[in-house]
Amino acid sequence: MNVTQDHDAPARDFSRYLTARLLSVAGSLVSVVALPVLVYQLTGSPGWTSAVAMAEALPYLVFGLLAGAVADRVDRRRLMVAMDVVVAGGLVTVPLAWWAGVLTAPHVVVVAFLAQTAFVFFDAANFGALPSLVGKAKLTAAYAKLFGRSTMVELVVPGAAGLLVATIAPADLLAVNVVTAAGSAMLIRAIRGALSTPRADATTLARDIGSGLRFLWRHPIIRTLTLVGATHSAAAGAWVAMLVPWADRVLGVAPSGDPRLAALFSSWGVGALLASRLLPRLTERWGGARLALAGLPLSLLCAGSALLSTHWAPACAAAIAWGTAHSTVVLNAITYRQRMCPPELQSRVNTTARMLSWGLGQPAGAALAGGAAVLAGPRAGLAAGGAVLLVGVVLAWATPTLRRAARTASAN
């Protein structure tokens, strides 16, 4: 009996780890949808709405490098549990203030920043915990399962949250994230296996951070694809910041009580799901470099189609197309980077790339869109994001190494 229990323990530990990860991601996505809607209902201001989008994306810029290095040094179990507690404690103040009638837009912005900061450190620890938990022999299979399940959550939850936020108060919806954070903390505490590996070296945090940065900078294709990813994240930041005011003022879709808003929230996720199905075939046929060069202008074209839409149905179709092209480019860049990156640098390099894309690109895009919207309306905000996307297209096609790799793949 004891032998059976010992044999089953790793499987139970991985199941707890996986469920905790999915709960954390799901709760974070609920907040990404609910908080901008909540602020727009409070203020009716595209500027405040973009401020929330910035607050949710900015922590990766501020703390991304530090989080990756810290997570390699501390007890990852304690770090993840502590971050879940911070998320739950911060978010619960929003529905409480809403019910008391004292909720303000600055309160929501501060909580958005706090919750996403905690998620950055959780995410960094989570990256490093998996190899320690399952071992190198099972790492590929475990990561494939984790990535597949996480992708499904990332595709389903925004649409479901959009549907719920159209029927119930967004402040009430944030209680879901409080519950998921608490559940994640309990599951991580229940894991018996090791989540941290003692380090034999005695490098400093600065050197750990520098090693990830140097790898990204010295590999020309990875450097270009990471920078291009930042421009794509900027366009995505503009989309997140402008979706609610654009739907309201241009498409005639109310910010509450209108199920068409759920359709708009779901469209991008539907496109991402299509991209996840198409990517393996496209990569096998075209190669990563050719796919990047072809996908970038297609993504820009789809963004333009969404921008020109004036009715919610064509807007949904354009958003699906854009989500497909956008996600194909981004996932292609991520998988290429993972194939090229040495195992010992995976956490730091991936966290650094996330910092540049989500931490720099997304809040910059949201800020740019918010400023343009204040001056000329939400359509101008979306156009500003499209302009940054154009920069990414030019950057990719102007990189000789990327073009040369694409020609080599074509010749083969």
Protein backbone atom coordinates (compact mmCIF):
# COMPACT_ATOMS: atom_id res chain seq x y z
CA MET A 1 0.00 0.00 0.00
CA ASN A 2 2.81 2.39 0.85
CA VAL A 3 4.54 1.58 -2.45
CA THR A 4 1.38 2.46 -4.34
CA GLN A 5 1.05 5.72 -2.44
CA ASP A 6 4.66 6.64 -3.14
CA HIS A 7 4.16 5.81 -6.80
CA ASP A 8 1.02 7.95 -7.05
CA ALA A 9 2.43 10.96 -5.18
CA PRO A 10 4.19 12.59 -8.18
CA ALA A 11 1.02 12.34 -10.27
CA ARG A 12 -1.04 13.89 -7.49
CA ASP A 13 1.52 16.65 -7.03
CA PHE A 14 1.51 17.48 -10.74
CA SER A 15 -2.29 17.46 -10.79
CA ARG A 16 -2.34 19.95 -7.91
CA TYR A 17 0.30 22.08 -9.59
CA LEU A 18 -1.58 22.08 -12.89
CA THR A 19 -4.92 22.89 -11.27
CA ALA A 20 -3.37 25.70 -9.24
CA ARG A 21 -1.82 27.16 -12.38
CA LEU A 22 -5.10 27.01 -14.28
CA LEU A 23 -7.00 28.60 -11.40
CA SER A 24 -4.45 31.42 -11.19
CA VAL A 25 -4.56 32.10 -14.93
CA ALA A 26 -8.36 31.92 -15.03
CA GLY A 27 -8.75 34.34 -12.15
CA SER A 28 -6.28 36.77 -13.68
CA LEU A 29 -8.19 36.72 -16.98
CA VAL A 30 -11.48 37.39 -15.22
CA SER A 31 -9.94 40.53 -13.73
CA VAL A 32 -8.54 41.60 -17.11
CA VAL A 33 -12.10 41.60 -18.47
CA ALA A 34 -14.02 42.85 -15.44
CA LEU A 35 -11.82 45.74 -14.28
CA PRO A 36 -11.94 47.85 -17.51
CA VAL A 37 -15.71 47.38 -17.73
CA LEU A 38 -16.07 48.36 -14.08
CA VAL A 39 -14.05 51.54 -14.50
CA TYR A 40 -15.92 52.51 -17.66
CA GLN A 41 -19.21 52.06 -15.82
CA LEU A 42 -17.90 54.25 -13.00
CA THR A 43 -16.48 57.04 -15.16
CA GLY A 44 -17.60 56.68 -18.80
CA SER A 45 -14.02 57.71 -19.64
CA PRO A 46 -11.77 55.99 -22.22
CA GLY A 47 -8.82 57.55 -20.41
CA TRP A 48 -9.59 55.82 -17.11
CA THR A 49 -10.34 52.59 -18.97
CA SER A 50 -6.92 52.67 -20.62
CA ALA A 51 -5.38 53.44 -17.21
CA VAL A 52 -6.69 50.12 -15.91
CA ALA A 53 -5.31 48.29 -18.95
CA MET A 54 -1.95 49.96 -18.29
CA ALA A 55 -2.04 49.05 -14.60
CA GLU A 56 -2.72 45.40 -15.45
CA ALA A 57 0.17 45.20 -17.93
CA LEU A 58 2.76 47.51 -16.33
CA PRO A 59 3.96 45.12 -13.56
CA TYR A 60 5.80 42.94 -16.06
CA LEU A 61 7.83 45.98 -17.09
CA VAL A 62 8.52 47.09 -13.54
CA PHE A 63 9.13 43.71 -11.92
CA GLY A 64 9.61 41.15 -14.72
CA LEU A 65 13.41 40.96 -14.60
CA LEU A 66 13.49 40.95 -10.81
CA ALA A 67 10.75 38.31 -10.52
CA GLY A 68 12.60 35.86 -12.75
CA ALA A 69 15.81 36.18 -10.75
CA VAL A 70 14.09 36.08 -7.35
CA ALA A 71 12.08 32.99 -8.25
CA ASP A 72 15.33 31.11 -8.93
CA ARG A 73 16.58 31.88 -5.41
CA VAL A 74 13.72 31.66 -2.90
CA ASP A 75 11.37 28.87 -1.83
CA ARG A 76 8.98 28.87 -4.77
CA ARG A 77 6.17 27.21 -2.82
CA ARG A 78 6.11 30.01 -0.26
CA LEU A 79 6.41 32.67 -2.93
CA MET A 80 3.46 31.35 -4.93
CA VAL A 81 1.27 30.93 -1.87
CA ALA A 82 2.14 34.43 -0.66
CA MET A 83 1.31 35.94 -4.05
CA ASP A 84 -2.05 34.16 -4.15
CA VAL A 85 -2.86 35.63 -0.74
CA VAL A 86 -1.93 39.12 -1.97
CA VAL A 87 -4.20 38.73 -5.02
CA ALA A 88 -7.15 37.58 -2.93
CA GLY A 89 -6.65 40.27 -0.29
CA GLY A 90 -6.38 43.09 -2.81
CA LEU A 91 -9.25 42.10 -5.07
CA VAL A 92 -11.74 41.50 -2.28
CA THR A 93 -11.61 45.22 -1.44
CA VAL A 94 -13.22 46.10 -4.79
CA PRO A 95 -16.60 44.35 -4.33
CA LEU A 96 -16.63 45.43 -0.69
CA ALA A 97 -16.18 49.08 -1.69
CA TRP A 98 -18.75 48.66 -4.48
CA TRP A 99 -21.35 47.28 -2.11
CA ALA A 100 -20.60 50.11 0.33
CA GLY A 101 -21.02 52.70 -2.44
CA VAL A 102 -17.51 54.14 -2.03
CA LEU A 103 -15.64 52.57 -4.96
CA THR A 104 -13.57 54.99 -7.08
CA ALA A 105 -11.59 54.65 -10.31
CA PRO A 106 -8.19 55.23 -8.58
CA HIS A 107 -9.03 52.40 -6.16
CA VAL A 108 -9.62 50.03 -9.08
CA VAL A 109 -6.40 51.09 -10.82
CA VAL A 110 -4.32 50.49 -7.67
CA VAL A 111 -5.86 47.06 -7.11
CA ALA A 112 -5.30 46.14 -10.77
CA PHE A 113 -1.61 47.01 -10.44
CA LEU A 114 -1.26 45.14 -7.14
CA ALA A 115 -2.96 41.97 -8.39
CA GLN A 116 -0.94 41.81 -11.59
CA THR A 117 2.30 42.50 -9.71
CA ALA A 118 1.59 39.49 -7.52
CA PHE A 119 0.79 37.42 -10.62
CA VAL A 120 4.16 38.35 -12.19
CA PHE A 121 6.04 36.87 -9.21
CA PHE A 122 3.69 33.88 -9.11
CA ASP A 123 4.24 33.31 -12.83
CA ALA A 124 8.02 33.48 -12.51
CA ALA A 125 8.04 30.98 -9.64
CA ASN A 126 5.63 28.76 -11.54
CA PHE A 127 7.98 28.58 -14.54
CA GLY A 128 10.85 27.38 -12.39
CA ALA A 129 8.79 25.02 -10.23
CA LEU A 130 7.81 22.61 -12.99
CA PRO A 131 11.31 21.22 -13.78
CA SER A 132 11.95 20.72 -10.06
CA LEU A 133 8.61 18.95 -9.63
CA VAL A 134 8.61 16.51 -12.57
CA GLY A 135 12.31 16.17 -13.42
CA LYS A 136 14.03 16.55 -16.78
CA ALA A 137 12.85 13.21 -18.18
CA LYS A 138 9.18 14.17 -17.91
CA LEU A 139 9.53 17.91 -18.45
CA THR A 140 8.56 18.00 -22.13
CA ALA A 141 5.38 15.99 -21.65
CA ALA A 142 4.45 17.94 -18.52
CA TYR A 143 5.03 21.31 -20.17
CA ALA A 144 3.04 20.26 -23.24
CA LYS A 145 0.09 19.35 -21.04
CA LEU A 146 0.42 22.57 -19.04
CA PHE A 147 0.63 24.71 -22.18
CA GLY A 148 -2.36 23.00 -23.78
CA ARG A 149 -4.58 23.37 -20.73
CA SER A 150 -3.46 26.97 -20.12
CA THR A 151 -4.16 27.87 -23.74
CA MET A 152 -7.70 26.52 -23.47
CA VAL A 153 -8.28 28.55 -20.31
CA GLU A 154 -6.90 31.68 -22.00
CA LEU A 155 -9.27 31.14 -24.90
CA VAL A 156 -12.43 30.28 -22.99
CA VAL A 157 -12.32 32.51 -19.91
CA PRO A 158 -12.30 35.99 -21.55
CA GLY A 159 -15.41 35.17 -23.57
CA ALA A 160 -17.17 33.61 -20.58
CA ALA A 161 -16.22 36.59 -18.42
CA GLY A 162 -17.49 38.93 -21.14
CA LEU A 163 -20.81 37.10 -21.11
CA LEU A 164 -21.04 37.25 -17.33
CA VAL A 165 -20.06 40.90 -17.12
CA ALA A 166 -22.92 41.67 -19.52
CA THR A 167 -25.42 40.18 -17.06
CA ILE A 168 -24.00 40.82 -13.56
CA ALA A 169 -22.05 43.65 -11.95
CA PRO A 170 -18.32 43.47 -12.79
CA ALA A 171 -17.45 44.16 -9.16
CA ASP A 172 -19.35 41.02 -8.15
CA LEU A 173 -17.51 39.06 -10.86
CA LEU A 174 -14.17 39.86 -9.21
CA ALA A 175 -15.17 37.55 -6.38
CA VAL A 176 -14.34 34.72 -8.82
CA ASN A 177 -10.68 35.78 -8.80
CA VAL A 178 -10.66 35.91 -5.02
CA VAL A 179 -11.89 32.30 -4.91
CA THR A 180 -9.45 31.09 -7.58
CA ALA A 181 -6.51 32.69 -5.76
CA ALA A 182 -7.49 31.06 -2.48
CA GLY A 183 -7.93 27.69 -4.21
CA SER A 184 -4.55 28.00 -5.91
CA ALA A 185 -2.83 28.74 -2.59
CA MET A 186 -4.34 25.70 -0.92
CA LEU A 187 -3.38 23.40 -3.79
CA ILE A 188 0.23 24.61 -3.84
CA ARG A 189 0.54 24.15 -0.08
CA ALA A 190 -0.68 20.55 -0.54
CA ILE A 191 2.12 19.65 -2.97
CA ARG A 192 4.57 17.29 -1.28
CA GLY A 193 7.34 17.29 -3.91
CA ALA A 194 10.12 19.83 -4.23
CA LEU A 195 9.35 23.03 -6.15
CA SER A 196 12.82 24.55 -5.72
CA THR A 197 16.27 23.23 -6.58
CA PRO A 198 19.24 24.35 -4.46
CA ARG A 199 21.71 26.34 -6.53
CA ALA A 200 25.39 25.47 -6.52
CA ASP A 201 26.52 28.84 -7.88
CA ALA A 202 26.70 32.09 -5.96
CA THR A 203 25.82 34.63 -8.62
CA THR A 204 24.14 37.91 -7.81
CA LEU A 205 20.65 38.94 -8.85
CA ALA A 206 22.18 41.42 -11.27
CA ARG A 207 24.19 38.68 -13.00
CA ASP A 208 21.14 36.43 -13.22
CA ILE A 209 19.17 39.22 -14.85
CA GLY A 210 22.06 40.04 -17.16
CA SER A 211 22.38 36.47 -18.44
CA GLY A 212 18.79 36.49 -19.69
CA LEU A 213 19.18 39.89 -21.30
CA ARG A 214 22.44 38.94 -23.01
CA PHE A 215 20.96 35.82 -24.54
CA LEU A 216 18.05 37.77 -26.02
CA TRP A 217 20.30 40.51 -27.35
CA ARG A 218 22.98 38.28 -28.87
CA HIS A 219 20.58 36.03 -30.81
CA PRO A 220 19.47 38.24 -33.75
CA ILE A 221 16.33 36.34 -34.75
CA ILE A 222 15.12 35.92 -31.18
CA ARG A 223 15.91 39.59 -30.53
CA THR A 224 13.86 40.67 -33.55
CA LEU A 225 10.94 38.36 -32.80
CA THR A 226 10.89 39.57 -29.18
CA LEU A 227 10.82 43.21 -30.27
CA VAL A 228 8.15 42.42 -32.83
CA GLY A 229 6.24 40.69 -30.06
CA ALA A 230 6.37 43.94 -28.10
CA THR A 231 4.77 45.83 -30.98
CA HIS A 232 2.09 43.15 -31.20
CA SER A 233 1.48 43.45 -27.47
CA ALA A 234 1.15 47.22 -27.91
CA ALA A 235 -1.59 46.64 -30.48
CA ALA A 236 -3.23 44.15 -28.12
CA GLY A 237 -2.98 46.70 -25.30
CA ALA A 238 -4.79 49.22 -27.48
CA TRP A 239 -7.47 46.62 -28.23
CA VAL A 240 -8.01 45.81 -24.54
CA ALA A 241 -8.07 49.49 -23.59
CA MET A 242 -10.45 50.54 -26.37
CA LEU A 243 -12.75 47.54 -26.71
CA VAL A 244 -15.42 48.73 -24.27
CA PRO A 245 -15.54 52.43 -25.30
CA TRP A 246 -15.19 51.49 -29.00
CA ALA A 247 -18.06 49.02 -28.72
CA ASP A 248 -20.17 51.66 -26.97
CA ARG A 249 -19.46 54.71 -29.11
CA VAL A 250 -18.80 53.21 -32.54
CA LEU A 251 -20.66 49.90 -32.64
CA GLY A 252 -23.60 50.83 -30.40
CA VAL A 253 -22.96 47.96 -27.95
CA ALA A 254 -23.76 48.98 -24.37
CA PRO A 255 -21.09 48.40 -21.68
CA SER A 256 -23.55 46.44 -19.52
CA GLY A 257 -26.54 44.21 -20.12
CA ASP A 258 -25.73 43.66 -23.81
CA PRO A 259 -24.80 40.08 -24.81
CA ARG A 260 -23.10 41.41 -27.96
CA LEU A 261 -20.29 42.62 -25.70
CA ALA A 262 -19.62 38.99 -24.77
CA ALA A 263 -19.39 38.16 -28.48
CA LEU A 264 -16.78 40.88 -28.95
CA PHE A 265 -14.79 39.68 -25.93
CA SER A 266 -14.97 36.11 -27.26
CA SER A 267 -13.89 36.90 -30.81
CA TRP A 268 -10.22 37.38 -30.08
CA GLY A 269 -10.16 34.11 -28.12
CA VAL A 270 -11.81 32.25 -30.99
CA GLY A 271 -9.07 33.53 -33.27
CA ALA A 272 -6.41 32.44 -30.79
CA LEU A 273 -7.95 28.96 -30.67
CA LEU A 274 -7.78 28.74 -34.45
CA ALA A 275 -4.15 29.87 -34.31
CA SER A 276 -3.25 27.17 -31.78
CA ARG A 277 -4.68 24.54 -34.13
CA LEU A 278 -3.04 25.99 -37.25
CA LEU A 279 0.39 26.78 -35.83
CA PRO A 280 1.96 23.28 -35.85
CA ARG A 281 1.01 22.74 -39.49
CA LEU A 282 2.08 26.21 -40.56
CA THR A 283 5.40 25.94 -38.74
CA GLU A 284 6.10 22.53 -40.25
CA ARG A 285 5.31 23.75 -43.73
CA TRP A 286 6.78 27.27 -43.65
CA GLY A 287 9.28 27.33 -40.79
CA GLY A 288 9.36 29.90 -37.99
CA ALA A 289 11.09 32.69 -39.91
CA ARG A 290 8.86 32.52 -43.01
CA LEU A 291 5.75 32.30 -40.86
CA ALA A 292 6.77 35.42 -38.93
CA LEU A 293 7.35 37.44 -42.10
CA ALA A 294 4.06 36.31 -43.65
CA GLY A 295 1.97 36.59 -40.50
CA LEU A 296 2.97 40.13 -39.58
CA PRO A 297 1.45 42.00 -42.54
CA LEU A 298 -1.60 39.75 -42.37
CA SER A 299 -2.08 40.73 -38.74
CA LEU A 300 -1.83 44.41 -39.71
CA LEU A 301 -4.43 43.92 -42.45
CA CYS A 302 -6.84 42.26 -40.03
CA ALA A 303 -6.33 45.07 -37.50
CA GLY A 304 -7.28 47.55 -40.22
CA SER A 305 -10.44 45.57 -40.96
CA ALA A 306 -11.48 45.76 -37.31
CA LEU A 307 -10.74 49.47 -37.24
CA LEU A 308 -13.02 50.14 -40.22
CA SER A 309 -15.94 48.11 -38.85
CA THR A 310 -19.08 50.03 -37.90
CA HIS A 311 -21.40 47.12 -37.04
CA TRP A 312 -20.85 44.57 -34.31
CA ALA A 313 -21.15 41.48 -36.55
CA PRO A 314 -18.40 42.45 -39.06
CA ALA A 315 -16.39 43.71 -36.08
CA CYS A 316 -16.56 40.23 -34.51
CA ALA A 317 -15.47 38.62 -37.78
CA ALA A 318 -12.56 41.05 -38.10
CA ALA A 319 -11.60 40.47 -34.45
CA ILE A 320 -11.56 36.70 -35.03
CA ALA A 321 -9.31 37.15 -38.06
CA TRP A 322 -7.05 39.54 -36.16
CA GLY A 323 -6.90 37.24 -33.14
CA THR A 324 -5.90 34.36 -35.42
CA ALA A 325 -3.12 36.28 -37.17
CA HIS A 326 -1.92 37.98 -33.98
CA SER A 327 -1.79 34.74 -31.98
CA THR A 328 -0.04 32.90 -34.80
CA VAL A 329 2.75 35.49 -34.82
CA VAL A 330 3.07 35.56 -31.03
CA LEU A 331 2.94 31.79 -30.48
CA ASN A 332 5.40 31.26 -33.32
CA ALA A 333 7.85 33.65 -31.66
CA ILE A 334 7.44 31.97 -28.26
CA THR A 335 7.98 28.44 -29.55
CA TYR A 336 10.97 29.52 -31.64
CA ARG A 337 12.54 31.14 -28.57
CA GLN A 338 11.93 28.03 -26.46
CA ARG A 339 13.53 25.77 -29.05
CA MET A 340 16.64 27.94 -29.23
CA CYS A 341 17.02 28.75 -25.51
CA PRO A 342 19.26 26.55 -23.29
CA PRO A 343 17.35 24.74 -20.49
CA GLU A 344 19.16 26.58 -17.70
CA LEU A 345 18.04 29.96 -19.09
CA GLN A 346 14.40 29.14 -19.84
CA SER A 347 12.85 30.90 -16.84
CA ARG A 348 14.92 34.07 -17.02
CA VAL A 349 14.78 34.39 -20.80
CA ASN A 350 11.02 33.78 -20.94
CA THR A 351 10.36 36.19 -18.08
CA THR A 352 12.55 38.81 -19.78
CA ALA A 353 10.69 38.37 -23.05
CA ARG A 354 7.35 38.62 -21.25
CA MET A 355 8.58 41.79 -19.59
CA LEU A 356 9.37 43.37 -22.95
CA SER A 357 6.12 42.24 -24.56
CA TRP A 358 3.53 42.41 -21.78
CA GLY A 359 5.34 44.80 -19.49
CA LEU A 360 6.51 47.32 -22.08
CA GLY A 361 4.40 46.75 -25.16
CA GLN A 362 0.96 46.32 -23.67
CA PRO A 363 0.90 49.27 -21.25
CA ALA A 364 2.55 51.50 -23.86
CA GLY A 365 -0.13 50.53 -26.35
CA ALA A 366 -2.87 51.12 -23.81
CA ALA A 367 -1.42 54.51 -22.87
CA LEU A 368 -1.05 55.55 -26.50
CA ALA A 369 -4.57 54.42 -27.29
CA GLY A 370 -5.97 56.20 -24.26
CA GLY A 371 -4.30 59.48 -25.20
CA ALA A 372 -5.49 59.22 -28.80
CA ALA A 373 -9.01 58.37 -27.64
CA VAL A 374 -9.18 61.37 -25.33
CA LEU A 375 -8.27 63.61 -28.28
CA ALA A 376 -10.22 61.96 -31.10
CA GLY A 377 -12.30 59.06 -29.79
CA PRO A 378 -11.84 55.29 -29.37
CA ARG A 379 -11.38 54.59 -33.09
CA ALA A 380 -8.31 56.84 -33.03
CA GLY A 381 -7.08 54.79 -30.06
CA LEU A 382 -7.32 51.58 -32.08
CA ALA A 383 -5.59 53.30 -35.00
CA ALA A 384 -2.70 54.26 -32.71
CA GLY A 385 -2.24 50.59 -31.82
CA GLY A 386 -2.28 49.71 -35.51
CA ALA A 387 0.46 52.25 -36.16
CA VAL A 388 2.72 50.52 -33.63
CA LEU A 389 1.93 47.20 -35.30
CA LEU A 390 3.12 48.70 -38.59
CA VAL A 391 6.46 49.46 -36.94
CA GLY A 392 6.79 45.77 -36.06
CA VAL A 393 6.11 44.72 -39.65
CA VAL A 394 8.80 47.10 -40.94
CA LEU A 395 11.26 45.97 -38.25
CA ALA A 396 10.86 42.29 -39.12
CA TRP A 397 11.20 42.77 -42.87
CA ALA A 398 14.20 45.05 -42.35
CA THR A 399 16.13 42.38 -40.41
CA PRO A 400 18.56 40.63 -42.80
CA THR A 401 19.07 37.59 -40.54
CA LEU A 402 15.33 36.89 -40.39
CA ARG A 403 14.93 37.26 -44.16
CA ARG A 404 17.93 35.01 -44.74
CA ALA A 405 16.50 32.34 -42.42
CA ALA A 406 13.19 32.56 -44.27
CA ARG A 407 14.93 32.06 -47.64
CA THR A 408 16.84 29.08 -46.28
CA ALA A 409 13.62 27.48 -45.05
CA SER A 410 12.00 28.12 -48.43
CA ALA A 411 14.91 26.49 -50.25
CA ASN A 412 14.66 23.41 -48.06
